[in-house]
Amino acid sequence: MPVININEDREIRLIWAKFQIVLSDHKRFCVRNAFWEEHNMDDWDRIRDELEAEMHAQIAKVRKRYRLEKRERDRLARERAENENKSTLETIPPPPPPRRSKRIQEKTE
């Protein structure tokens, strides 16, 4: 799993905090001891792994949505900039022809 930067976004931080609470409840002594007494520590590990996988899946879904939104915003900004550049190029009149001295004009003719 990739490293999670919890400072990336508020929604990701909320998901992270919610699952940290759920995981801390699952890791408590009384829960772990109940699994240990029944000799089901494999189930306890499986449940923990499922919780972590669900957390990572939700975070990945949020990151993917934000990545797609960012691409769309960038594309729209690029199109807007291209349209503005086209309109400014069309409105700028061509420069007047450069002045030439009579001597140079006579040489070229």
PDB file of N, CA and C in Angstrom:
ATOM      1  N   MET A   1       0.829  -1.182   0.000  1.00  0.00           N
ATOM      2  CA  MET A   1       0.000   0.000   0.000  1.00  0.00           C
ATOM      3  C   MET A   1       0.876   1.249   0.000  1.00  0.00           C
ATOM      4  N   PRO A   2       0.443   2.282  -0.726  1.00  0.00           N
ATOM      5  CA  PRO A   2       1.233   3.511  -0.730  1.00  0.00           C
ATOM      6  C   PRO A   2       1.117   4.235   0.608  1.00  0.00           C
ATOM      7  N   VAL A   3       2.079   5.079   0.857  1.00  0.00           N
ATOM      8  CA  VAL A   3       2.070   5.865   2.086  1.00  0.00           C
ATOM      9  C   VAL A   3       0.928   6.869   2.002  1.00  0.00           C
ATOM     10  N   ILE A   4       0.201   7.031   3.089  1.00  0.00           N
ATOM     11  CA  ILE A   4      -0.943   7.932   3.107  1.00  0.00           C
ATOM     12  C   ILE A   4      -0.536   9.239   3.772  1.00  0.00           C
ATOM     13  N   ASN A   5      -0.694  10.321   3.056  1.00  0.00           N
ATOM     14  CA  ASN A   5      -0.447  11.641   3.607  1.00  0.00           C
ATOM     15  C   ASN A   5      -1.774  12.156   4.157  1.00  0.00           C
ATOM     16  N   ILE A   6      -1.937  12.141   5.476  1.00  0.00           N
ATOM     17  CA  ILE A   6      -3.233  12.487   6.054  1.00  0.00           C
ATOM     18  C   ILE A   6      -3.512  13.975   6.006  1.00  0.00           C
ATOM     19  N   ASN A   7      -2.534  14.784   5.586  1.00  0.00           N
ATOM     20  CA  ASN A   7      -2.768  16.215   5.473  1.00  0.00           C
ATOM     21  C   ASN A   7      -3.251  16.607   4.091  1.00  0.00           C
ATOM     22  N   GLU A   8      -3.534  15.637   3.226  1.00  0.00           N
ATOM     23  CA  GLU A   8      -3.873  15.936   1.840  1.00  0.00           C
ATOM     24  C   GLU A   8      -5.235  16.610   1.707  1.00  0.00           C
ATOM     25  N   ASP A   9      -6.209  16.102   2.367  1.00  0.00           N
ATOM     26  CA  ASP A   9      -7.547  16.635   2.153  1.00  0.00           C
ATOM     27  C   ASP A   9      -8.406  16.350   3.384  1.00  0.00           C
ATOM     28  N   ARG A  10      -9.364  17.203   3.593  1.00  0.00           N
ATOM     29  CA  ARG A  10     -10.232  17.051   4.763  1.00  0.00           C
ATOM     30  C   ARG A  10     -11.027  15.749   4.714  1.00  0.00           C
ATOM     31  N   GLU A  11     -11.524  15.405   3.547  1.00  0.00           N
ATOM     32  CA  GLU A  11     -12.333  14.180   3.428  1.00  0.00           C
ATOM     33  C   GLU A  11     -11.484  12.944   3.728  1.00  0.00           C
ATOM     34  N   ILE A  12     -10.258  12.945   3.256  1.00  0.00           N
ATOM     35  CA  ILE A  12      -9.363  11.824   3.538  1.00  0.00           C
ATOM     36  C   ILE A  12      -9.026  11.774   5.020  1.00  0.00           C
ATOM     37  N   ARG A  13      -8.822  12.944   5.621  1.00  0.00           N
ATOM     38  CA  ARG A  13      -8.538  12.972   7.063  1.00  0.00           C
ATOM     39  C   ARG A  13      -9.717  12.434   7.859  1.00  0.00           C
ATOM     40  N   LEU A  14     -10.952  12.751   7.416  1.00  0.00           N
ATOM     41  CA  LEU A  14     -12.130  12.241   8.122  1.00  0.00           C
ATOM     42  C   LEU A  14     -12.215  10.712   8.014  1.00  0.00           C
ATOM     43  N   ILE A  15     -11.961  10.185   6.822  1.00  0.00           N
ATOM     44  CA  ILE A  15     -11.962   8.730   6.648  1.00  0.00           C
ATOM     45  C   ILE A  15     -10.883   8.104   7.520  1.00  0.00           C
ATOM     46  N   TRP A  16      -9.700   8.714   7.497  1.00  0.00           N
ATOM     47  CA  TRP A  16      -8.579   8.205   8.288  1.00  0.00           C
ATOM     48  C   TRP A  16      -8.934   8.192   9.783  1.00  0.00           C
ATOM     49  N   ALA A  17      -9.493   9.306  10.273  1.00  0.00           N
ATOM     50  CA  ALA A  17      -9.824   9.403  11.703  1.00  0.00           C
ATOM     51  C   ALA A  17     -10.895   8.385  12.088  1.00  0.00           C
ATOM     52  N   LYS A  18     -11.902   8.226  11.229  1.00  0.00           N
ATOM     53  CA  LYS A  18     -12.975   7.273  11.525  1.00  0.00           C
ATOM     54  C   LYS A  18     -12.414   5.855  11.646  1.00  0.00           C
ATOM     55  N   PHE A  19     -11.565   5.480  10.721  1.00  0.00           N
ATOM     56  CA  PHE A  19     -11.029   4.124  10.764  1.00  0.00           C
ATOM     57  C   PHE A  19      -9.998   3.949  11.866  1.00  0.00           C
ATOM     58  N   GLN A  20      -9.309   5.002  12.258  1.00  0.00           N
ATOM     59  CA  GLN A  20      -8.384   4.877  13.387  1.00  0.00           C
ATOM     60  C   GLN A  20      -9.153   4.578  14.667  1.00  0.00           C
ATOM     61  N   ILE A  21     -10.331   5.182  14.806  1.00  0.00           N
ATOM     62  CA  ILE A  21     -11.175   4.909  15.976  1.00  0.00           C
ATOM     63  C   ILE A  21     -11.657   3.457  15.944  1.00  0.00           C
ATOM     64  N   VAL A  22     -12.115   3.012  14.760  1.00  0.00           N
ATOM     65  CA  VAL A  22     -12.607   1.636  14.626  1.00  0.00           C
ATOM     66  C   VAL A  22     -11.469   0.647  14.888  1.00  0.00           C
ATOM     67  N   LEU A  23     -10.292   0.927  14.330  1.00  0.00           N
ATOM     68  CA  LEU A  23      -9.154   0.030  14.537  1.00  0.00           C
ATOM     69  C   LEU A  23      -8.691   0.024  15.990  1.00  0.00           C
ATOM     70  N   SER A  24      -8.720   1.188  16.634  1.00  0.00           N
ATOM     71  CA  SER A  24      -8.301   1.215  18.038  1.00  0.00           C
ATOM     72  C   SER A  24      -9.280   0.426  18.905  1.00  0.00           C
ATOM     73  N   ASP A  25     -10.581   0.489  18.580  1.00  0.00           N
ATOM     74  CA  ASP A  25     -11.549  -0.328  19.307  1.00  0.00           C
ATOM     75  C   ASP A  25     -11.289  -1.822  19.077  1.00  0.00           C
ATOM     76  N   HIS A  26     -10.924  -2.172  17.847  1.00  0.00           N
ATOM     77  CA  HIS A  26     -10.680  -3.576  17.525  1.00  0.00           C
ATOM     78  C   HIS A  26      -9.397  -4.083  18.199  1.00  0.00           C
ATOM     79  N   LYS A  27      -8.435  -3.192  18.391  1.00  0.00           N
ATOM     80  CA  LYS A  27      -7.157  -3.598  18.979  1.00  0.00           C
ATOM     81  C   LYS A  27      -7.159  -3.579  20.510  1.00  0.00           C
ATOM     82  N   ARG A  28      -8.272  -3.200  21.104  1.00  0.00           N
ATOM     83  CA  ARG A  28      -8.341  -3.162  22.570  1.00  0.00           C
ATOM     84  C   ARG A  28      -8.107  -4.551  23.159  1.00  0.00           C
ATOM     85  N   PHE A  29      -7.642  -4.539  24.385  1.00  0.00           N
ATOM     86  CA  PHE A  29      -7.303  -5.792  25.066  1.00  0.00           C
ATOM     87  C   PHE A  29      -8.506  -6.716  25.182  1.00  0.00           C
ATOM     88  N   CYS A  30      -9.673  -6.147  25.521  1.00  0.00           N
ATOM     89  CA  CYS A  30     -10.834  -7.018  25.741  1.00  0.00           C
ATOM     90  C   CYS A  30     -11.267  -7.705  24.441  1.00  0.00           C
ATOM     91  N   VAL A  31     -11.179  -7.014  23.317  1.00  0.00           N
ATOM     92  CA  VAL A  31     -11.558  -7.629  22.039  1.00  0.00           C
ATOM     93  C   VAL A  31     -10.516  -8.674  21.640  1.00  0.00           C
ATOM     94  N   ARG A  32      -9.261  -8.274  21.731  1.00  0.00           N
ATOM     95  CA  ARG A  32      -8.181  -9.187  21.347  1.00  0.00           C
ATOM     96  C   ARG A  32      -8.168 -10.417  22.262  1.00  0.00           C
ATOM     97  N   ASN A  33      -8.407 -10.193  23.545  1.00  0.00           N
ATOM     98  CA  ASN A  33      -8.407 -11.300  24.505  1.00  0.00           C
ATOM     99  C   ASN A  33      -9.570 -12.259  24.234  1.00  0.00           C
ATOM    100  N   ALA A  34     -10.714 -11.733  23.812  1.00  0.00           N
ATOM    101  CA  ALA A  34     -11.844 -12.604  23.506  1.00  0.00           C
ATOM    102  C   ALA A  34     -11.493 -13.536  22.341  1.00  0.00           C
ATOM    103  N   PHE A  35     -10.830 -13.015  21.336  1.00  0.00           N
ATOM    104  CA  PHE A  35     -10.394 -13.860  20.222  1.00  0.00           C
ATOM    105  C   PHE A  35      -9.310 -14.844  20.676  1.00  0.00           C
ATOM    106  N   TRP A  36      -8.431 -14.382  21.558  1.00  0.00           N
ATOM    107  CA  TRP A  36      -7.333 -15.234  22.021  1.00  0.00           C
ATOM    108  C   TRP A  36      -7.842 -16.420  22.830  1.00  0.00           C
ATOM    109  N   GLU A  37      -8.852 -16.150  23.680  1.00  0.00           N
ATOM    110  CA  GLU A  37      -9.398 -17.229  24.514  1.00  0.00           C
ATOM    111  C   GLU A  37     -10.075 -18.292  23.661  1.00  0.00           C
ATOM    112  N   GLU A  38     -10.661 -17.884  22.547  1.00  0.00           N
ATOM    113  CA  GLU A  38     -11.324 -18.845  21.657  1.00  0.00           C
ATOM    114  C   GLU A  38     -10.346 -19.425  20.625  1.00  0.00           C
ATOM    115  N   HIS A  39      -9.061 -19.037  20.718  1.00  0.00           N
ATOM    116  CA  HIS A  39      -8.027 -19.495  19.792  1.00  0.00           C
ATOM    117  C   HIS A  39      -8.362 -19.089  18.353  1.00  0.00           C
ATOM    118  N   ASN A  40      -8.848 -17.874  18.202  1.00  0.00           N
ATOM    119  CA  ASN A  40      -9.230 -17.348  16.889  1.00  0.00           C
ATOM    120  C   ASN A  40      -8.435 -16.096  16.540  1.00  0.00           C
ATOM    121  N   MET A  41      -7.161 -16.054  16.838  1.00  0.00           N
ATOM    122  CA  MET A  41      -6.368 -14.863  16.523  1.00  0.00           C
ATOM    123  C   MET A  41      -6.263 -14.656  15.009  1.00  0.00           C
ATOM    124  N   ASP A  42      -6.398 -15.742  14.244  1.00  0.00           N
ATOM    125  CA  ASP A  42      -6.396 -15.594  12.787  1.00  0.00           C
ATOM    126  C   ASP A  42      -7.611 -14.782  12.339  1.00  0.00           C
ATOM    127  N   ASP A  43      -8.764 -15.023  12.986  1.00  0.00           N
ATOM    128  CA  ASP A  43      -9.956 -14.236  12.666  1.00  0.00           C
ATOM    129  C   ASP A  43      -9.768 -12.775  13.057  1.00  0.00           C
ATOM    130  N   TRP A  44      -9.132 -12.564  14.206  1.00  0.00           N
ATOM    131  CA  TRP A  44      -8.879 -11.187  14.652  1.00  0.00           C
ATOM    132  C   TRP A  44      -7.989 -10.461  13.635  1.00  0.00           C
ATOM    133  N   ASP A  45      -6.943 -11.120  13.149  1.00  0.00           N
ATOM    134  CA  ASP A  45      -6.066 -10.542  12.123  1.00  0.00           C
ATOM    135  C   ASP A  45      -6.820 -10.306  10.821  1.00  0.00           C
ATOM    136  N   ARG A  46      -7.672 -11.255  10.455  1.00  0.00           N
ATOM    137  CA  ARG A  46      -8.438 -11.119   9.216  1.00  0.00           C
ATOM    138  C   ARG A  46      -9.365  -9.909   9.279  1.00  0.00           C
ATOM    139  N   ILE A  47     -10.035  -9.735  10.427  1.00  0.00           N
ATOM    140  CA  ILE A  47     -10.940  -8.592  10.595  1.00  0.00           C
ATOM    141  C   ILE A  47     -10.153  -7.292  10.519  1.00  0.00           C
ATOM    142  N   ARG A  48      -8.989  -7.252  11.178  1.00  0.00           N
ATOM    143  CA  ARG A  48      -8.154  -6.051  11.121  1.00  0.00           C
ATOM    144  C   ARG A  48      -7.717  -5.754   9.689  1.00  0.00           C
ATOM    145  N   ASP A  49      -7.313  -6.783   8.965  1.00  0.00           N
ATOM    146  CA  ASP A  49      -6.898  -6.604   7.574  1.00  0.00           C
ATOM    147  C   ASP A  49      -8.051  -6.117   6.707  1.00  0.00           C
ATOM    148  N   GLU A  50      -9.256  -6.639   6.949  1.00  0.00           N
ATOM    149  CA  GLU A  50     -10.427  -6.189   6.190  1.00  0.00           C
ATOM    150  C   GLU A  50     -10.733  -4.719   6.468  1.00  0.00           C
ATOM    151  N   LEU A  51     -10.637  -4.323   7.734  1.00  0.00           N
ATOM    152  CA  LEU A  51     -10.879  -2.917   8.076  1.00  0.00           C
ATOM    153  C   LEU A  51      -9.852  -2.007   7.399  1.00  0.00           C
ATOM    154  N   GLU A  52      -8.588  -2.409   7.435  1.00  0.00           N
ATOM    155  CA  GLU A  52      -7.547  -1.600   6.800  1.00  0.00           C
ATOM    156  C   GLU A  52      -7.736  -1.545   5.285  1.00  0.00           C
ATOM    157  N   ALA A  53      -8.114  -2.674   4.678  1.00  0.00           N
ATOM    158  CA  ALA A  53      -8.337  -2.705   3.233  1.00  0.00           C
ATOM    159  C   ALA A  53      -9.508  -1.801   2.849  1.00  0.00           C
ATOM    160  N   GLU A  54     -10.564  -1.820   3.661  1.00  0.00           N
ATOM    161  CA  GLU A  54     -11.718  -0.958   3.381  1.00  0.00           C
ATOM    162  C   GLU A  54     -11.321   0.511   3.480  1.00  0.00           C
ATOM    163  N   MET A  55     -10.522   0.859   4.488  1.00  0.00           N
ATOM    164  CA  MET A  55     -10.060   2.234   4.653  1.00  0.00           C
ATOM    165  C   MET A  55      -9.243   2.658   3.439  1.00  0.00           C
ATOM    166  N   HIS A  56      -8.305   1.820   3.020  1.00  0.00           N
ATOM    167  CA  HIS A  56      -7.465   2.167   1.875  1.00  0.00           C
ATOM    168  C   HIS A  56      -8.294   2.275   0.590  1.00  0.00           C
ATOM    169  N   ALA A  57      -9.306   1.431   0.445  1.00  0.00           N
ATOM    170  CA  ALA A  57     -10.161   1.485  -0.746  1.00  0.00           C
ATOM    171  C   ALA A  57     -10.940   2.794  -0.784  1.00  0.00           C
ATOM    172  N   GLN A  58     -11.492   3.207   0.353  1.00  0.00           N
ATOM    173  CA  GLN A  58     -12.236   4.471   0.392  1.00  0.00           C
ATOM    174  C   GLN A  58     -11.325   5.653   0.103  1.00  0.00           C
ATOM    175  N   ILE A  59     -10.124   5.637   0.656  1.00  0.00           N
ATOM    176  CA  ILE A  59      -9.181   6.724   0.416  1.00  0.00           C
ATOM    177  C   ILE A  59      -8.766   6.753  -1.054  1.00  0.00           C
ATOM    178  N   ALA A  60      -8.547   5.590  -1.644  1.00  0.00           N
ATOM    179  CA  ALA A  60      -8.183   5.527  -3.060  1.00  0.00           C
ATOM    180  C   ALA A  60      -9.310   6.059  -3.937  1.00  0.00           C
ATOM    181  N   LYS A  61     -10.556   5.754  -3.568  1.00  0.00           N
ATOM    182  CA  LYS A  61     -11.706   6.239  -4.327  1.00  0.00           C
ATOM    183  C   LYS A  61     -11.791   7.766  -4.267  1.00  0.00           C
ATOM    184  N   VAL A  62     -11.561   8.332  -3.089  1.00  0.00           N
ATOM    185  CA  VAL A  62     -11.603   9.785  -2.939  1.00  0.00           C
ATOM    186  C   VAL A  62     -10.463  10.426  -3.733  1.00  0.00           C
ATOM    187  N   ARG A  63      -9.272   9.847  -3.642  1.00  0.00           N
ATOM    188  CA  ARG A  63      -8.132  10.399  -4.388  1.00  0.00           C
ATOM    189  C   ARG A  63      -8.367  10.336  -5.891  1.00  0.00           C
ATOM    190  N   LYS A  64      -8.955   9.251  -6.360  1.00  0.00           N
ATOM    191  CA  LYS A  64      -9.234   9.115  -7.792  1.00  0.00           C
ATOM    192  C   LYS A  64     -10.233  10.174  -8.238  1.00  0.00           C
ATOM    193  N   ARG A  65     -11.277  10.390  -7.421  1.00  0.00           N
ATOM    194  CA  ARG A  65     -12.274  11.406  -7.767  1.00  0.00           C
ATOM    195  C   ARG A  65     -11.634  12.791  -7.842  1.00  0.00           C
ATOM    196  N   TYR A  66     -10.782  13.123  -6.852  1.00  0.00           N
ATOM    197  CA  TYR A  66     -10.123  14.425  -6.869  1.00  0.00           C
ATOM    198  C   TYR A  66      -9.154  14.551  -8.031  1.00  0.00           C
ATOM    199  N   ARG A  67      -8.473  13.459  -8.381  1.00  0.00           N
ATOM    200  CA  ARG A  67      -7.541  13.490  -9.508  1.00  0.00           C
ATOM    201  C   ARG A  67      -8.299  13.754 -10.814  1.00  0.00           C
ATOM    202  N   LEU A  68      -9.468  13.110 -10.991  1.00  0.00           N
ATOM    203  CA  LEU A  68     -10.272  13.335 -12.191  1.00  0.00           C
ATOM    204  C   LEU A  68     -10.815  14.757 -12.236  1.00  0.00           C
ATOM    205  N   GLU A  69     -11.259  15.273 -11.082  1.00  0.00           N
ATOM    206  CA  GLU A  69     -11.749  16.652 -11.031  1.00  0.00           C
ATOM    207  C   GLU A  69     -10.634  17.636 -11.372  1.00  0.00           C
ATOM    208  N   LYS A  70      -9.423  17.367 -10.883  1.00  0.00           N
ATOM    209  CA  LYS A  70      -8.292  18.256 -11.169  1.00  0.00           C
ATOM    210  C   LYS A  70      -7.952  18.236 -12.652  1.00  0.00           C
ATOM    211  N   ARG A  71      -7.970  17.048 -13.264  1.00  0.00           N
ATOM    212  CA  ARG A  71      -7.712  16.959 -14.704  1.00  0.00           C
ATOM    213  C   ARG A  71      -8.731  17.770 -15.487  1.00  0.00           C
ATOM    214  N   GLU A  72      -9.998  17.661 -15.095  1.00  0.00           N
ATOM    215  CA  GLU A  72     -11.058  18.395 -15.794  1.00  0.00           C
ATOM    216  C   GLU A  72     -10.867  19.904 -15.630  1.00  0.00           C
ATOM    217  N   ARG A  73     -10.532  20.344 -14.403  1.00  0.00           N
ATOM    218  CA  ARG A  73     -10.297  21.783 -14.191  1.00  0.00           C
ATOM    219  C   ARG A  73      -9.117  22.267 -15.024  1.00  0.00           C
ATOM    220  N   ASP A  74      -8.050  21.468 -15.071  1.00  0.00           N
ATOM    221  CA  ASP A  74      -6.877  21.854 -15.864  1.00  0.00           C
ATOM    222  C   ASP A  74      -7.210  21.926 -17.350  1.00  0.00           C
ATOM    223  N   ARG A  75      -7.991  20.965 -17.820  1.00  0.00           N
ATOM    224  CA  ARG A  75      -8.376  20.961 -19.233  1.00  0.00           C
ATOM    225  C   ARG A  75      -9.213  22.190 -19.573  1.00  0.00           C
ATOM    226  N   LEU A  76     -10.172  22.523 -18.705  1.00  0.00           N
ATOM    227  CA  LEU A  76     -10.998  23.706 -18.943  1.00  0.00           C
ATOM    228  C   LEU A  76     -10.164  24.979 -18.895  1.00  0.00           C
ATOM    229  N   ALA A  77      -9.216  25.058 -17.977  1.00  0.00           N
ATOM    230  CA  ALA A  77      -8.360  26.238 -17.890  1.00  0.00           C
ATOM    231  C   ALA A  77      -7.495  26.364 -19.141  1.00  0.00           C
ATOM    232  N   ARG A  78      -6.980  25.231 -19.639  1.00  0.00           N
ATOM    233  CA  ARG A  78      -6.179  25.258 -20.859  1.00  0.00           C
ATOM    234  C   ARG A  78      -7.008  25.734 -22.053  1.00  0.00           C
ATOM    235  N   GLU A  79      -8.241  25.197 -22.173  1.00  0.00           N
ATOM    236  CA  GLU A  79      -9.119  25.620 -23.267  1.00  0.00           C
ATOM    237  C   GLU A  79      -9.442  27.102 -23.166  1.00  0.00           C
ATOM    238  N   ARG A  80      -9.713  27.570 -21.958  1.00  0.00           N
ATOM    239  CA  ARG A  80     -10.025  28.979 -21.753  1.00  0.00           C
ATOM    240  C   ARG A  80      -8.829  29.857 -22.142  1.00  0.00           C
ATOM    241  N   ALA A  81      -7.641  29.422 -21.767  1.00  0.00           N
ATOM    242  CA  ALA A  81      -6.443  30.190 -22.109  1.00  0.00           C
ATOM    243  C   ALA A  81      -6.215  30.200 -23.617  1.00  0.00           C
ATOM    244  N   GLU A  82      -6.448  29.073 -24.277  1.00  0.00           N
ATOM    245  CA  GLU A  82      -6.296  29.031 -25.735  1.00  0.00           C
ATOM    246  C   GLU A  82      -7.296  29.950 -26.416  1.00  0.00           C
ATOM    247  N   ASN A  83      -8.542  29.955 -25.939  1.00  0.00           N
ATOM    248  CA  ASN A  83      -9.554  30.837 -26.526  1.00  0.00           C
ATOM    249  C   ASN A  83      -9.189  32.299 -26.330  1.00  0.00           C
ATOM    250  N   GLU A  84      -8.664  32.635 -25.166  1.00  0.00           N
ATOM    251  CA  GLU A  84      -8.267  34.015 -24.909  1.00  0.00           C
ATOM    252  C   GLU A  84      -7.097  34.407 -25.800  1.00  0.00           C
ATOM    253  N   ASN A  85      -6.152  33.493 -26.000  1.00  0.00           N
ATOM    254  CA  ASN A  85      -5.013  33.785 -26.856  1.00  0.00           C
ATOM    255  C   ASN A  85      -5.447  33.971 -28.308  1.00  0.00           C
ATOM    256  N   LYS A  86      -6.379  33.162 -28.774  1.00  0.00           N
ATOM    257  CA  LYS A  86      -6.868  33.298 -30.143  1.00  0.00           C
ATOM    258  C   LYS A  86      -7.552  34.637 -30.340  1.00  0.00           C
ATOM    259  N   SER A  87      -8.379  35.019 -29.393  1.00  0.00           N
ATOM    260  CA  SER A  87      -9.117  36.276 -29.548  1.00  0.00           C
ATOM    261  C   SER A  87      -8.171  37.477 -29.508  1.00  0.00           C
ATOM    262  N   THR A  88      -7.133  37.432 -28.676  1.00  0.00           N
ATOM    263  CA  THR A  88      -6.210  38.566 -28.635  1.00  0.00           C
ATOM    264  C   THR A  88      -5.364  38.625 -29.891  1.00  0.00           C
ATOM    265  N   LEU A  89      -5.005  37.473 -30.467  1.00  0.00           N
ATOM    266  CA  LEU A  89      -4.232  37.477 -31.703  1.00  0.00           C
ATOM    267  C   LEU A  89      -5.051  38.003 -32.871  1.00  0.00           C
ATOM    268  N   GLU A  90      -6.344  37.714 -32.868  1.00  0.00           N
ATOM    269  CA  GLU A  90      -7.209  38.175 -33.943  1.00  0.00           C
ATOM    270  C   GLU A  90      -7.463  39.678 -33.863  1.00  0.00           C
ATOM    271  N   THR A  91      -7.482  40.250 -32.676  1.00  0.00           N
ATOM    272  CA  THR A  91      -7.790  41.669 -32.529  1.00  0.00           C
ATOM    273  C   THR A  91      -6.576  42.570 -32.707  1.00  0.00           C
ATOM    274  N   ILE A  92      -5.386  42.028 -32.627  1.00  0.00           N
ATOM    275  CA  ILE A  92      -4.187  42.853 -32.793  1.00  0.00           C
ATOM    276  C   ILE A  92      -3.987  43.102 -34.292  1.00  0.00           C
ATOM    277  N   PRO A  93      -3.940  44.376 -34.696  1.00  0.00           N
ATOM    278  CA  PRO A  93      -3.753  44.658 -36.125  1.00  0.00           C
ATOM    279  C   PRO A  93      -2.310  44.345 -36.531  1.00  0.00           C
ATOM    280  N   PRO A  94      -2.110  44.027 -37.787  1.00  0.00           N
ATOM    281  CA  PRO A  94      -0.741  43.744 -38.221  1.00  0.00           C
ATOM    282  C   PRO A  94       0.103  45.021 -38.147  1.00  0.00           C
ATOM    283  N   PRO A  95       1.382  44.872 -37.896  1.00  0.00           N
ATOM    284  CA  PRO A  95       2.224  46.064 -37.783  1.00  0.00           C
ATOM    285  C   PRO A  95       2.384  46.727 -39.152  1.00  0.00           C
ATOM    286  N   PRO A  96       2.586  48.049 -39.163  1.00  0.00           N
ATOM    287  CA  PRO A  96       2.778  48.726 -40.460  1.00  0.00           C
ATOM    288  C   PRO A  96       4.093  48.276 -41.087  1.00  0.00           C
ATOM    289  N   PRO A  97       4.171  48.348 -42.389  1.00  0.00           N
ATOM    290  CA  PRO A  97       5.418  47.920 -43.026  1.00  0.00           C
ATOM    291  C   PRO A  97       6.570  48.836 -42.599  1.00  0.00           C
ATOM    292  N   PRO A  98       7.763  48.296 -42.510  1.00  0.00           N
ATOM    293  CA  PRO A  98       8.882  49.125 -42.061  1.00  0.00           C
ATOM    294  C   PRO A  98       9.215  50.199 -43.095  1.00  0.00           C
ATOM    295  N   ARG A  99       9.645  51.339 -42.623  1.00  0.00           N
ATOM    296  CA  ARG A  99      10.023  52.434 -43.525  1.00  0.00           C
ATOM    297  C   ARG A  99      11.360  52.115 -44.162  1.00  0.00           C
ATOM    298  N   ARG A 100      11.451  52.410 -45.398  1.00  0.00           N
ATOM    299  CA  ARG A 100      12.713  52.207 -46.087  1.00  0.00           C
ATOM    300  C   ARG A 100      13.142  53.531 -46.713  1.00  0.00           C
ATOM    301  N   SER A 101      14.395  53.679 -46.720  1.00  0.00           N
ATOM    302  CA  SER A 101      14.878  54.914 -47.337  1.00  0.00           C
ATOM    303  C   SER A 101      14.751  54.825 -48.848  1.00  0.00           C
ATOM    304  N   LYS A 102      14.731  55.949 -49.481  1.00  0.00           N
ATOM    305  CA  LYS A 102      14.580  56.000 -50.917  1.00  0.00           C
ATOM    306  C   LYS A 102      15.760  55.326 -51.605  1.00  0.00           C
ATOM    307  N   ARG A 103      16.939  55.434 -51.044  1.00  0.00           N
ATOM    308  CA  ARG A 103      18.136  54.843 -51.625  1.00  0.00           C
ATOM    309  C   ARG A 103      18.007  53.321 -51.669  1.00  0.00           C
ATOM    310  N   ILE A 104      17.524  52.681 -50.566  1.00  0.00           N
ATOM    311  CA  ILE A 104      17.376  51.226 -50.508  1.00  0.00           C
ATOM    312  C   ILE A 104      16.274  50.784 -51.475  1.00  0.00           C
ATOM    313  N   GLN A 105      15.198  51.528 -51.542  1.00  0.00           N
ATOM    314  CA  GLN A 105      14.116  51.178 -52.466  1.00  0.00           C
ATOM    315  C   GLN A 105      14.603  51.210 -53.904  1.00  0.00           C
ATOM    316  N   GLU A 106      15.430  52.146 -54.245  1.00  0.00           N
ATOM    317  CA  GLU A 106      15.926  52.239 -55.625  1.00  0.00           C
ATOM    318  C   GLU A 106      16.877  51.086 -55.933  1.00  0.00           C
ATOM    319  N   LYS A 107      17.648  50.647 -54.934  1.00  0.00           N
ATOM    320  CA  LYS A 107      18.589  49.539 -55.135  1.00  0.00           C
ATOM    321  C   LYS A 107      17.833  48.238 -55.420  1.00  0.00           C
ATOM    322  N   THR A 108      16.756  47.990 -54.687  1.00  0.00           N
ATOM    323  CA  THR A 108      16.023  46.729 -54.842  1.00  0.00           C
ATOM    324  C   THR A 108      15.232  46.700 -56.137  1.00  0.00           C
ATOM    325  N   GLU A 109      14.894  47.825 -56.701  1.00  0.00           N
ATOM    326  CA  GLU A 109      14.087  47.841 -57.933  1.00  0.00           C
ATOM    327  C   GLU A 109      14.894  47.752 -59.137  1.00  0.00           C
TER     328      GLU A 109
END
